[in-house]
Amino acid sequence: MTPWSVVKDDNQENPQRMRYFRYAVFSLAGLLVLSLGLAFLPSEPPAPAELPFSEQARAAALEEALRLRSTGLELAASGADGSAEAPAARALDQVVTLLTIQARVLLLPGDEAPAGAGTTAAAPASVLPSTAAPSPSPPAALPATVTVAEFADRLAGSGRQRLQDAGTADGGMARLLAGAGTAQLLAAERLGAPGTPKDGAAASPGASALTTPGATTRETPSSCPATTSAAIQAPATPPGGAAELGAALVAAADAELEAVYGYQAALPRLPAVTVGPASGFLAQHRDLAAQAKELGLLHCGNFPPQAPGYVLDQGFLDAPAAGLAGLEADTLPLYGDIVALSGGATRNWALAALQEAARRAQQWGATVEPLPGLVVDQGKLPELAQ
């Protein structure tokens, strides 16, 4: 091969190498630009996490309480639907006070009142996380002008919704919603809501917005330790809330037996017109005592021997109606405890029992608190802005 041919071959290979080199450089540059562009592209924000059911139920209860409060204030200011009747005006004032306290208890930091309800102040509170559950129904808007009857009907509907949500919510929130719903239902009854007893009328034994106390369903028994003579002296305690629930059911059963004793002592001393309702209430308490014991045994309750009797002071014997009102009111926090600690059929039973106890207490003249079954220190609650 001549030198000239070698030079010629080199000249032919060099352009090909340069072309390959350029392709490689351009490819690397393109990949670099593409990767930098992808790196600087804004990513889509993550979808907001769904609020726990208990928080949804609390927010819905707060919104409806504020909306109903605003409507109640307007009705009261207008003279109770254009009427000058003092009882209607007093009843509306009581409902507004009830809704105000409920809204103050339901407040959380950052809450805002719906239009027309005023602004709200922050309040310390906590909500336990909840498992997945159907979202509570959003409250519909109230019409611009309503009558007292329409307002009472809406108040009753809110009470039923709060009680329905209490069946699913976490323990502490369930107790709060149960108290709010019970108080709203009773307030609607005092206003004469359609389908509810009028104020002063005897509540029918066993009537309830939910499952009646006598309609409990069978539950799977808890794994309770075997009862021996040693266990009676120092009973083994099931872990966690199971022991607390058993103890709460034992306390409720004892309170119901005391109520039975009180009604038996009061019946001969009551006016004839109230003997019929009192006899029905006595039968209710007998059933509730038996049901509380049955559920308590399922939840490992340690029942002591039944007391032969209970001490009734002279004041009870002199004013048996007031004494019965006190006995009924004393059972409310016990059923509130069971609502908070239980679930399923036991909670439904306690929800119904709570409503009936509040209704019976009201029947005997007791003042039903804004949150029956829950003790509230109103002095520590935030104020609503006017």
Protein backbone atom coordinates (compact mmCIF):
# COMPACT_ATOMS: atom_id res chain seq x y z
CA MET A 1 0.00 0.00 0.00
CA THR A 2 1.33 3.41 -0.90
CA PRO A 3 1.54 6.28 1.59
CA TRP A 4 -0.97 8.18 -0.42
CA SER A 5 -3.63 5.47 0.01
CA VAL A 6 -3.04 5.35 3.80
CA VAL A 7 -3.63 9.09 4.10
CA LYS A 8 -6.75 8.73 1.98
CA ASP A 9 -8.22 6.06 4.27
CA ASP A 10 -7.53 8.21 7.35
CA ASN A 11 -9.28 11.17 5.78
CA GLN A 12 -12.36 9.03 5.06
CA GLU A 13 -12.59 7.68 8.66
CA ASN A 14 -12.12 11.03 10.45
CA PRO A 15 -15.40 12.65 9.22
CA GLN A 16 -17.32 9.54 10.29
CA ARG A 17 -15.77 9.68 13.77
CA MET A 18 -16.56 13.36 14.07
CA ARG A 19 -20.18 12.74 13.10
CA TYR A 20 -20.51 10.05 15.79
CA PHE A 21 -18.90 12.35 18.33
CA ARG A 22 -21.32 15.17 17.46
CA TYR A 23 -24.31 12.80 17.77
CA ALA A 24 -23.12 11.72 21.21
CA VAL A 25 -22.58 15.32 22.38
CA PHE A 26 -25.99 16.45 21.12
CA SER A 27 -27.72 13.43 22.68
CA LEU A 28 -26.11 14.02 26.06
CA ALA A 29 -27.00 17.70 25.92
CA GLY A 30 -30.62 16.86 25.06
CA LEU A 31 -30.86 14.40 27.93
CA LEU A 32 -29.38 16.98 30.30
CA VAL A 33 -31.88 19.67 29.23
CA LEU A 34 -34.77 17.23 29.47
CA SER A 35 -33.80 16.06 32.94
CA LEU A 36 -33.37 19.63 34.19
CA GLY A 37 -36.75 20.59 32.76
CA LEU A 38 -38.48 17.68 34.45
CA ALA A 39 -36.77 18.49 37.72
CA PHE A 40 -38.08 22.06 37.71
CA LEU A 41 -41.63 21.25 36.63
CA PRO A 42 -44.05 21.89 39.57
CA SER A 43 -45.51 18.63 40.89
CA GLU A 44 -49.23 18.27 41.47
CA PRO A 45 -50.18 18.95 45.10
CA PRO A 46 -51.32 15.86 47.01
CA ALA A 47 -55.04 15.47 47.51
CA PRO A 48 -56.12 16.71 50.96
CA ALA A 49 -56.65 13.92 53.45
CA GLU A 50 -60.28 13.21 54.27
CA LEU A 51 -61.28 14.41 57.72
CA PRO A 52 -62.12 11.71 60.27
CA PHE A 53 -65.83 11.07 60.68
CA SER A 54 -65.86 12.42 64.23
CA GLU A 55 -64.45 15.76 63.03
CA GLN A 56 -66.96 15.91 60.18
CA ALA A 57 -69.80 15.23 62.62
CA ARG A 58 -68.51 17.88 65.03
CA ALA A 59 -68.24 20.51 62.31
CA ALA A 60 -71.74 19.72 61.01
CA ALA A 61 -73.16 19.89 64.54
CA LEU A 62 -71.48 23.26 65.14
CA GLU A 63 -72.71 24.71 61.85
CA GLU A 64 -76.29 23.59 62.47
CA ALA A 65 -76.27 24.79 66.08
CA LEU A 66 -75.12 28.25 65.00
CA ARG A 67 -77.66 28.37 62.18
CA LEU A 68 -80.51 27.33 64.45
CA ARG A 69 -79.33 29.78 67.11
CA SER A 70 -79.42 32.63 64.61
CA THR A 71 -82.97 31.69 63.56
CA GLY A 72 -84.05 31.36 67.19
CA LEU A 73 -82.71 34.83 67.96
CA GLU A 74 -84.67 36.27 65.03
CA LEU A 75 -87.86 34.52 66.11
CA ALA A 76 -87.47 35.69 69.69
CA ALA A 77 -86.79 39.27 68.55
CA SER A 78 -89.89 39.24 66.35
CA GLY A 79 -92.12 38.29 69.26
CA ALA A 80 -92.20 34.51 68.74
CA ASP A 81 -93.74 34.38 65.28
CA GLY A 82 -95.74 37.56 65.80
CA SER A 83 -97.34 36.22 68.97
CA ALA A 84 -97.01 37.88 72.36
CA GLU A 85 -97.49 34.61 74.26
CA ALA A 86 -95.01 34.54 77.14
CA PRO A 87 -94.61 30.71 77.19
CA ALA A 88 -93.53 30.61 73.55
CA ALA A 89 -91.09 33.47 74.10
CA ARG A 90 -89.62 31.78 77.17
CA ALA A 91 -89.28 28.49 75.32
CA LEU A 92 -87.45 30.20 72.45
CA ASP A 93 -85.11 31.94 74.89
CA GLN A 94 -84.32 28.58 76.48
CA VAL A 95 -83.60 27.03 73.09
CA VAL A 96 -81.28 29.90 72.13
CA THR A 97 -79.40 29.50 75.41
CA LEU A 98 -79.14 25.74 74.84
CA LEU A 99 -77.81 26.18 71.29
CA THR A 100 -75.35 28.85 72.43
CA ILE A 101 -73.82 26.56 75.03
CA GLN A 102 -73.70 23.65 72.58
CA ALA A 103 -71.93 25.80 69.97
CA ARG A 104 -69.38 26.95 72.57
CA VAL A 105 -68.62 23.34 73.48
CA LEU A 106 -68.32 22.30 69.82
CA LEU A 107 -65.89 25.06 68.85
CA LEU A 108 -62.33 24.32 67.71
CA PRO A 109 -59.54 26.77 66.86
CA GLY A 110 -60.02 28.18 63.38
CA ASP A 111 -63.75 27.50 63.19
CA GLU A 112 -65.83 30.08 61.40
CA ALA A 113 -69.51 30.68 61.92
CA PRO A 114 -71.83 30.39 58.92
CA ALA A 115 -73.30 33.54 57.46
CA GLY A 116 -75.67 35.27 59.84
CA ALA A 117 -74.42 33.50 62.93
CA GLY A 118 -71.60 35.84 63.88
CA THR A 119 -67.95 35.02 64.28
CA THR A 120 -66.66 32.56 66.80
CA ALA A 121 -63.81 32.46 69.25
CA ALA A 122 -61.32 29.66 69.46
CA ALA A 123 -61.66 26.97 72.11
CA PRO A 124 -59.29 24.24 73.24
CA ALA A 125 -60.63 20.82 72.35
CA SER A 126 -59.52 17.53 70.92
CA VAL A 127 -61.07 14.96 68.63
CA LEU A 128 -59.97 11.36 68.54
CA PRO A 129 -59.25 9.86 65.10
CA SER A 130 -61.99 7.75 63.60
CA THR A 131 -62.26 4.85 61.25
CA ALA A 132 -63.87 5.25 57.85
CA ALA A 133 -67.60 5.90 58.08
CA PRO A 134 -70.30 7.61 56.03
CA SER A 135 -70.04 11.39 56.14
CA PRO A 136 -72.77 13.17 58.10
CA SER A 137 -75.40 14.84 55.96
CA PRO A 138 -74.73 18.57 55.47
CA PRO A 139 -77.44 20.77 56.96
CA ALA A 140 -79.78 22.36 54.48
CA ALA A 141 -80.29 26.11 54.52
CA LEU A 142 -83.15 27.46 56.59
CA PRO A 143 -85.72 29.57 54.76
CA ALA A 144 -85.53 33.32 55.16
CA THR A 145 -88.60 33.40 57.41
CA VAL A 146 -89.81 30.48 59.49
CA THR A 147 -92.56 29.87 62.00
CA VAL A 148 -92.04 28.49 65.46
CA ALA A 149 -93.46 25.15 64.30
CA GLU A 150 -91.03 24.99 61.37
CA PHE A 151 -88.17 25.92 63.66
CA ALA A 152 -89.15 23.17 66.12
CA ASP A 153 -89.31 20.65 63.28
CA ARG A 154 -85.84 21.63 62.10
CA LEU A 155 -84.53 21.45 65.67
CA ALA A 156 -85.90 17.92 66.03
CA GLY A 157 -84.28 16.91 62.75
CA SER A 158 -80.95 18.24 63.95
CA GLY A 159 -81.30 16.29 67.18
CA ARG A 160 -81.96 13.06 65.30
CA GLN A 161 -78.93 13.66 63.06
CA ARG A 162 -76.67 14.28 66.05
CA LEU A 163 -77.85 11.03 67.66
CA GLN A 164 -77.32 9.13 64.43
CA ASP A 165 -73.76 10.47 64.18
CA ALA A 166 -73.18 9.56 67.83
CA GLY A 167 -73.68 5.92 66.93
CA THR A 168 -70.54 6.02 64.75
CA ALA A 169 -68.31 8.73 66.22
CA ASP A 170 -65.37 8.10 68.55
CA GLY A 171 -65.98 7.81 72.27
CA GLY A 172 -65.69 11.36 73.60
CA MET A 173 -67.27 12.90 70.52
CA ALA A 174 -70.08 10.32 70.61
CA ARG A 175 -70.91 11.40 74.17
CA LEU A 176 -70.93 15.06 73.15
CA LEU A 177 -73.14 14.45 70.11
CA ALA A 178 -75.49 12.25 72.15
CA GLY A 179 -75.99 15.00 74.70
CA ALA A 180 -76.50 17.65 72.03
CA GLY A 181 -79.00 15.53 70.09
CA THR A 182 -80.95 14.56 73.21
CA ALA A 183 -81.25 18.17 74.39
CA GLN A 184 -82.33 19.35 70.94
CA LEU A 185 -85.02 16.67 70.70
CA LEU A 186 -86.43 17.57 74.10
CA ALA A 187 -86.35 21.28 73.26
CA ALA A 188 -88.24 20.57 70.03
CA GLU A 189 -90.84 18.67 72.05
CA ARG A 190 -91.30 21.65 74.34
CA LEU A 191 -91.89 23.81 71.26
CA GLY A 192 -94.42 21.28 69.97
CA ALA A 193 -92.50 19.81 67.06
CA PRO A 194 -94.69 17.56 64.85
CA GLY A 195 -94.64 13.96 66.03
CA THR A 196 -93.25 14.72 69.49
CA PRO A 197 -95.03 14.92 72.86
CA LYS A 198 -96.04 18.36 74.03
CA ASP A 199 -94.42 19.76 77.17
CA GLY A 200 -96.06 18.31 80.23
CA ALA A 201 -97.46 15.28 78.44
CA ALA A 202 -96.42 11.91 79.76
CA ALA A 203 -93.71 10.32 77.66
CA SER A 204 -94.75 6.90 76.51
CA PRO A 205 -92.69 4.13 78.13
CA GLY A 206 -90.00 2.91 75.79
CA ALA A 207 -90.46 5.65 73.16
CA SER A 208 -87.18 6.67 71.60
CA ALA A 209 -85.72 8.27 68.50
CA LEU A 210 -83.40 5.29 68.14
CA THR A 211 -83.42 1.71 69.37
CA THR A 212 -85.57 1.37 72.47
CA PRO A 213 -83.80 0.19 75.60
CA GLY A 214 -85.70 -3.10 75.43
CA ALA A 215 -84.56 -3.87 71.90
CA THR A 216 -80.93 -4.73 72.53
CA THR A 217 -79.34 -7.26 70.25
CA ARG A 218 -77.12 -10.11 71.30
CA GLU A 219 -73.42 -9.43 71.41
CA THR A 220 -70.44 -11.72 71.51
CA PRO A 221 -69.37 -12.10 75.15
CA SER A 222 -66.03 -10.59 76.10
CA SER A 223 -63.23 -12.92 77.15
CA CYS A 224 -63.71 -12.57 80.90
CA PRO A 225 -61.45 -14.21 83.49
CA ALA A 226 -62.90 -17.15 85.37
CA THR A 227 -64.60 -16.13 88.60
CA THR A 228 -63.16 -17.84 91.66
CA SER A 229 -63.25 -17.04 95.35
CA ALA A 230 -59.83 -15.40 95.00
CA ALA A 231 -60.98 -13.47 91.94
CA ILE A 232 -63.93 -12.09 93.90
CA GLN A 233 -61.52 -10.65 96.47
CA ALA A 234 -59.14 -9.29 93.81
CA PRO A 235 -60.88 -9.56 90.42
CA ALA A 236 -58.77 -9.75 87.32
CA THR A 237 -59.23 -6.71 85.12
CA PRO A 238 -59.70 -6.99 81.35
CA PRO A 239 -57.28 -4.74 79.45
CA GLY A 240 -58.03 -1.16 78.52
CA GLY A 241 -61.56 0.18 78.20
CA ALA A 242 -63.24 -3.20 78.64
CA ALA A 243 -62.87 -2.95 82.42
CA GLU A 244 -64.16 0.64 82.41
CA LEU A 245 -67.20 -0.34 80.33
CA GLY A 246 -67.99 -3.23 82.64
CA ALA A 247 -67.74 -0.93 85.65
CA ALA A 248 -69.96 1.68 83.97
CA LEU A 249 -72.64 -0.93 83.31
CA VAL A 250 -72.46 -2.11 86.92
CA ALA A 251 -72.98 1.50 88.08
CA ALA A 252 -75.92 1.94 85.70
CA ALA A 253 -77.55 -1.27 86.90
CA ASP A 254 -77.24 -0.15 90.52
CA ALA A 255 -78.70 3.29 89.67
CA GLU A 256 -81.65 1.60 87.95
CA LEU A 257 -82.29 -0.60 90.99
CA GLU A 258 -82.24 2.51 93.17
CA ALA A 259 -84.73 4.14 90.80
CA VAL A 260 -86.99 1.08 91.09
CA TYR A 261 -86.84 1.39 94.89
CA GLY A 262 -87.57 5.13 94.68
CA TYR A 263 -90.58 4.70 92.39
CA GLN A 264 -92.00 2.00 94.65
CA ALA A 265 -91.74 4.35 97.61
CA ALA A 266 -93.10 7.34 95.67
CA LEU A 267 -96.16 5.73 94.06
CA PRO A 268 -98.39 5.83 97.17
CA ARG A 269 -97.45 9.49 97.72
CA LEU A 270 -97.94 10.82 94.19
CA PRO A 271 -101.07 12.64 92.96
CA ALA A 272 -103.50 10.31 91.22
CA VAL A 273 -102.95 11.98 87.84
CA THR A 274 -99.27 11.00 87.83
CA VAL A 275 -99.62 7.45 89.13
CA GLY A 276 -100.19 6.01 85.63
CA PRO A 277 -97.04 7.51 84.06
CA ALA A 278 -95.04 6.66 87.19
CA SER A 279 -96.11 3.03 86.97
CA GLY A 280 -94.92 2.93 83.36
CA PHE A 281 -91.60 4.49 84.35
CA LEU A 282 -91.20 1.92 87.12
CA ALA A 283 -91.56 -0.87 84.56
CA GLN A 284 -88.95 0.84 82.40
CA HIS A 285 -86.47 0.93 85.25
CA ARG A 286 -86.99 -2.74 86.02
CA ASP A 287 -86.23 -3.58 82.39
CA LEU A 288 -83.23 -1.26 82.28
CA ALA A 289 -81.76 -2.78 85.44
CA ALA A 290 -82.01 -6.28 83.96
CA GLN A 291 -80.58 -5.16 80.61
CA ALA A 292 -77.69 -3.27 82.23
CA LYS A 293 -76.80 -6.39 84.22
CA GLU A 294 -76.97 -8.60 81.13
CA LEU A 295 -74.72 -6.26 79.17
CA GLY A 296 -72.44 -5.81 82.17
CA LEU A 297 -71.86 -9.54 82.42
CA LEU A 298 -71.03 -9.62 78.70
CA HIS A 299 -68.43 -6.92 79.32
CA CYS A 300 -66.88 -8.51 82.41
CA GLY A 301 -68.66 -6.38 84.97
CA ASN A 302 -68.13 -7.45 88.58
CA PHE A 303 -71.59 -7.23 90.21
CA PRO A 304 -71.69 -7.13 94.01
CA PRO A 305 -74.63 -8.65 95.89
CA GLN A 306 -77.78 -6.58 95.44
CA ALA A 307 -78.44 -4.12 98.23
CA PRO A 308 -81.57 -4.91 100.29
CA GLY A 309 -82.68 -1.28 100.03
CA TYR A 310 -81.66 2.34 99.57
CA VAL A 311 -81.80 5.33 101.88
CA LEU A 312 -84.48 7.88 100.99
CA ASP A 313 -84.37 11.10 102.96
CA GLN A 314 -87.42 12.85 104.33
CA GLY A 315 -87.27 15.43 101.56
CA PHE A 316 -87.84 12.67 98.99
CA LEU A 317 -90.87 11.38 100.87
CA ASP A 318 -92.30 14.89 101.30
CA ALA A 319 -91.83 15.83 97.62
CA PRO A 320 -91.70 12.56 95.68
CA ALA A 321 -91.96 14.18 92.23
CA ALA A 322 -88.84 16.25 92.86
CA GLY A 323 -87.13 13.20 94.32
CA LEU A 324 -87.90 11.16 91.21
CA ALA A 325 -86.59 13.99 89.03
CA GLY A 326 -83.33 13.81 90.94
CA LEU A 327 -83.09 10.04 90.57
CA GLU A 328 -83.64 10.32 86.82
CA ALA A 329 -81.07 13.10 86.47
CA ASP A 330 -78.50 11.05 88.39
CA THR A 331 -78.57 8.34 85.71
CA LEU A 332 -77.69 10.70 82.85
CA PRO A 333 -73.89 10.86 83.35
CA LEU A 334 -73.83 7.08 83.81
CA TYR A 335 -75.38 6.52 80.40
CA GLY A 336 -73.06 9.16 78.97
CA ASP A 337 -70.14 7.09 80.26
CA ILE A 338 -71.48 3.97 78.54
CA VAL A 339 -71.94 5.83 75.24
CA ALA A 340 -68.32 7.00 75.36
CA LEU A 341 -66.89 3.60 76.28
CA SER A 342 -69.00 1.28 74.13
CA GLY A 343 -69.94 0.63 70.53
CA GLY A 344 -72.44 -1.35 68.50
CA ALA A 345 -75.58 -2.61 70.23
CA THR A 346 -74.41 -1.54 73.68
CA ARG A 347 -73.94 2.06 72.53
CA ASN A 348 -77.33 2.08 70.78
CA TRP A 349 -78.91 0.82 74.00
CA ALA A 350 -77.18 3.53 76.02
CA LEU A 351 -78.18 6.24 73.53
CA ALA A 352 -81.82 5.27 73.82
CA ALA A 353 -81.62 4.96 77.60
CA LEU A 354 -80.01 8.41 77.82
CA GLN A 355 -82.86 9.97 75.85
CA GLU A 356 -85.55 8.31 77.94
CA ALA A 357 -83.87 9.23 81.23
CA ALA A 358 -83.69 12.88 80.15
CA ARG A 359 -87.32 12.78 79.04
CA ARG A 360 -88.45 11.25 82.35
CA ALA A 361 -86.42 13.80 84.33
CA GLN A 362 -88.09 16.59 82.37
CA GLN A 363 -91.48 15.00 83.01
CA TRP A 364 -90.89 15.30 86.78
CA GLY A 365 -89.81 18.93 86.51
CA ALA A 366 -86.03 18.65 86.34
CA THR A 367 -84.13 21.16 84.23
CA VAL A 368 -82.49 19.28 81.38
CA GLU A 369 -78.96 20.50 80.79
CA PRO A 370 -77.78 21.59 77.31
CA LEU A 371 -75.71 18.38 77.10
CA PRO A 372 -77.38 15.60 79.12
CA GLY A 373 -74.87 12.95 80.13
CA LEU A 374 -71.92 15.35 79.99
CA VAL A 375 -70.77 17.63 82.79
CA VAL A 376 -69.74 21.02 81.37
CA ASP A 377 -68.03 23.90 83.15
CA GLN A 378 -69.55 26.82 81.29
CA GLY A 379 -67.11 29.24 82.86
CA LYS A 380 -64.27 27.70 80.84
CA LEU A 381 -66.05 27.86 77.48
CA PRO A 382 -65.28 30.53 74.88
CA GLU A 383 -67.87 33.19 74.18
CA LEU A 384 -69.59 33.58 70.84
CA ALA A 385 -69.12 36.95 69.18
CA GLN A 386 -72.35 38.87 69.00
